[in-house]
Protein backbone atom coordinates (compact mmCIF):
# COMPACT_ATOMS: atom_id res chain seq x y z
CA MET A 1 -4.16 15.68 0.26
CA ARG A 2 -6.74 13.00 -0.26
CA ILE A 3 -6.47 10.15 2.22
CA ILE A 4 -7.27 6.50 1.57
CA THR A 5 -10.25 5.09 3.47
CA ILE A 6 -11.54 1.67 4.47
CA ALA A 7 -14.28 2.13 1.86
CA ASP A 8 -11.60 2.71 -0.78
CA VAL A 9 -9.75 -0.45 0.26
CA GLU A 10 -13.01 -2.41 0.24
CA TYR A 11 -13.63 -1.33 -3.35
CA LEU A 12 -10.03 -2.13 -4.29
CA ALA A 13 -10.15 -5.56 -2.66
CA SER A 14 -13.56 -6.53 -3.96
CA GLN A 15 -13.30 -5.08 -7.46
CA LEU A 16 -10.03 -3.76 -8.81
CA ALA A 17 -7.56 -6.26 -7.36
CA LYS A 18 -9.76 -9.17 -8.40
CA GLU A 19 -10.32 -7.84 -11.92
CA HIS A 20 -6.86 -6.54 -12.77
CA LEU A 21 -4.38 -8.41 -10.63
CA SER A 22 -5.69 -11.95 -10.56
CA PHE A 23 -3.31 -14.85 -10.15
CA ASP A 24 -3.88 -18.50 -9.35
CA GLU A 25 -5.24 -17.70 -5.89
CA PRO A 26 -8.43 -15.70 -5.46
CA ILE A 27 -8.72 -12.76 -3.10
CA PRO A 28 -11.12 -13.70 -0.27
CA ASP A 29 -14.31 -11.77 0.34
CA PHE A 30 -13.71 -8.42 2.05
CA SER A 31 -15.78 -9.49 5.04
CA THR A 32 -13.11 -12.08 5.92
CA ARG A 33 -10.49 -9.36 6.53
CA PHE A 34 -8.92 -8.78 9.90
CA PRO A 35 -10.71 -5.49 10.72
CA ASN A 36 -8.52 -3.98 13.41
CA ILE A 37 -5.39 -4.72 11.43
CA LEU A 38 -6.75 -3.17 8.24
CA GLU A 39 -7.93 -0.05 10.05
CA SER A 40 -4.49 0.34 11.62
CA CYS A 41 -2.81 0.04 8.21
CA VAL A 42 -5.07 2.70 6.73
CA VAL A 43 -4.96 5.29 9.54
CA THR A 44 -1.26 5.05 10.45
CA PRO A 45 0.06 7.08 7.47
CA PHE A 46 -2.15 10.02 8.49
CA GLN A 47 -1.44 10.07 12.22
CA ARG A 48 -0.30 13.22 13.96
CA PHE A 49 1.55 13.76 17.23
CA SER A 50 1.75 17.17 18.92
CA GLY A 51 0.25 18.72 15.82
CA LYS A 52 2.87 17.28 13.48
CA ALA A 53 2.31 14.58 10.90
CA LEU A 54 4.28 11.43 11.68
CA TYR A 55 4.60 10.88 7.92
CA PRO A 56 4.72 14.44 6.55
CA THR A 57 5.06 13.91 2.80
CA LEU A 58 3.04 12.09 0.16
CA ILE A 59 5.96 9.71 -0.38
CA ALA A 60 6.31 8.98 3.34
CA LYS A 61 2.58 8.31 3.66
CA ALA A 62 2.52 6.13 0.54
CA SER A 63 5.56 4.15 1.69
CA ILE A 64 4.31 3.30 5.18
CA LEU A 65 0.86 2.48 3.75
CA PHE A 66 2.42 0.06 1.26
CA TYR A 67 4.65 -1.49 3.93
CA LEU A 68 1.83 -2.01 6.44
CA MET A 69 -0.62 -3.37 3.87
CA ILE A 70 1.95 -6.04 3.01
CA LYS A 71 3.56 -6.83 6.36
CA ASN A 72 0.53 -6.66 8.68
CA HIS A 73 -1.55 -9.08 6.58
CA PRO A 74 -4.97 -7.46 6.94
CA PHE A 75 -6.42 -10.08 4.56
CA GLN A 76 -6.33 -13.86 4.48
CA ASN A 77 -4.91 -13.75 0.96
CA GLY A 78 -4.03 -11.15 -1.67
CA ASN A 79 -2.21 -8.74 0.63
CA LYS A 80 0.50 -7.89 -1.91
CA ARG A 81 -2.02 -7.37 -4.72
CA ILE A 82 -4.22 -5.20 -2.54
CA ALA A 83 -1.17 -3.26 -1.30
CA ILE A 84 -0.17 -2.51 -4.90
CA THR A 85 -3.64 -1.33 -5.89
CA THR A 86 -4.00 0.68 -2.68
CA LEU A 87 -0.65 2.40 -3.25
CA LEU A 88 -1.44 3.21 -6.87
CA THR A 89 -4.91 4.49 -6.00
CA PHE A 90 -3.57 6.69 -3.19
CA LEU A 91 -0.95 8.17 -5.51
CA PHE A 92 -3.42 8.64 -8.38
CA ASP A 93 -5.95 10.33 -6.11
CA ASN A 94 -3.18 12.79 -5.27
CA GLY A 95 -2.17 13.49 -8.87
CA LYS A 96 0.76 11.07 -9.06
CA TRP A 97 1.59 7.68 -10.53
CA LEU A 98 4.46 5.19 -10.53
CA LYS A 99 6.31 4.60 -13.75
CA ALA A 100 7.60 1.11 -13.07
CA ASP A 101 7.89 -2.10 -15.02
CA ALA A 102 5.25 -4.58 -13.79
CA GLN A 103 7.82 -7.32 -13.13
CA GLU A 104 10.12 -4.92 -11.29
CA PHE A 105 7.20 -3.70 -9.16
CA TYR A 106 6.15 -7.28 -8.42
CA ASN A 107 9.70 -8.32 -7.48
CA PHE A 108 10.04 -5.31 -5.21
CA THR A 109 6.71 -6.12 -3.54
CA VAL A 110 7.82 -9.70 -2.90
CA TRP A 111 11.10 -8.39 -1.46
CA VAL A 112 9.14 -6.17 0.96
CA ALA A 113 6.94 -9.13 1.95
CA GLN A 114 9.98 -11.31 2.63
CA SER A 115 11.92 -8.67 4.55
CA PRO A 116 12.60 -9.31 8.25
CA SER A 117 10.38 -7.17 10.47
CA GLU A 118 13.37 -5.99 12.50
CA PHE A 119 14.50 -4.05 9.41
CA LYS A 120 11.25 -2.07 9.12
CA GLU A 121 12.92 1.35 9.05
CA GLN A 122 15.37 0.32 6.34
CA VAL A 123 12.64 -1.33 4.26
CA VAL A 124 10.36 1.71 4.53
CA ALA A 125 13.33 3.87 3.46
CA ALA A 126 13.84 1.56 0.46
CA ILE A 127 10.14 1.89 -0.41
CA GLN A 128 10.47 5.67 -0.23
CA LYS A 129 13.42 5.54 -2.61
CA PHE A 130 11.58 3.16 -4.95
CA VAL A 131 8.53 5.45 -5.03
CA GLN A 132 10.53 8.68 -5.30
CA ASN A 133 12.61 7.36 -8.22
CA ARG A 134 9.50 6.31 -10.17
CA LEU A 135 6.98 8.99 -9.21
CA ILE A 136 5.45 10.95 -12.07
CA ASP A 137 2.48 13.26 -12.45
CA SER A 138 -0.68 11.47 -13.50
CA ASP A 139 -2.44 12.78 -16.56
């Protein structure tokens, strides 16, 4: 399984998200990120404890990555856009893709962003279901 790295997120934030997911608000320069928060978001899906992966499947890793990239706000602005591009890149790098309507995906992303933090487990489970129901092989 190919993991996502800080270098990948830097490319996504500085290039892809700006070029393909631009809205009225620009994404700030990558150097203005909150470094420790971003690193935590990126390494958490791949953590192990006693030799076992905390998030053992591609869907589990993708879901917690998406959740953390939105909820932990590693950037001053553009967190949802960068979370979407990071999720899609991670899935594509692992031979998968999401077949989802752009508006539906956007609405779901906003719902995750607005969700109360005390419902983290339930929201991550909803992300897993969203991803699982739309996951296809990339060609």
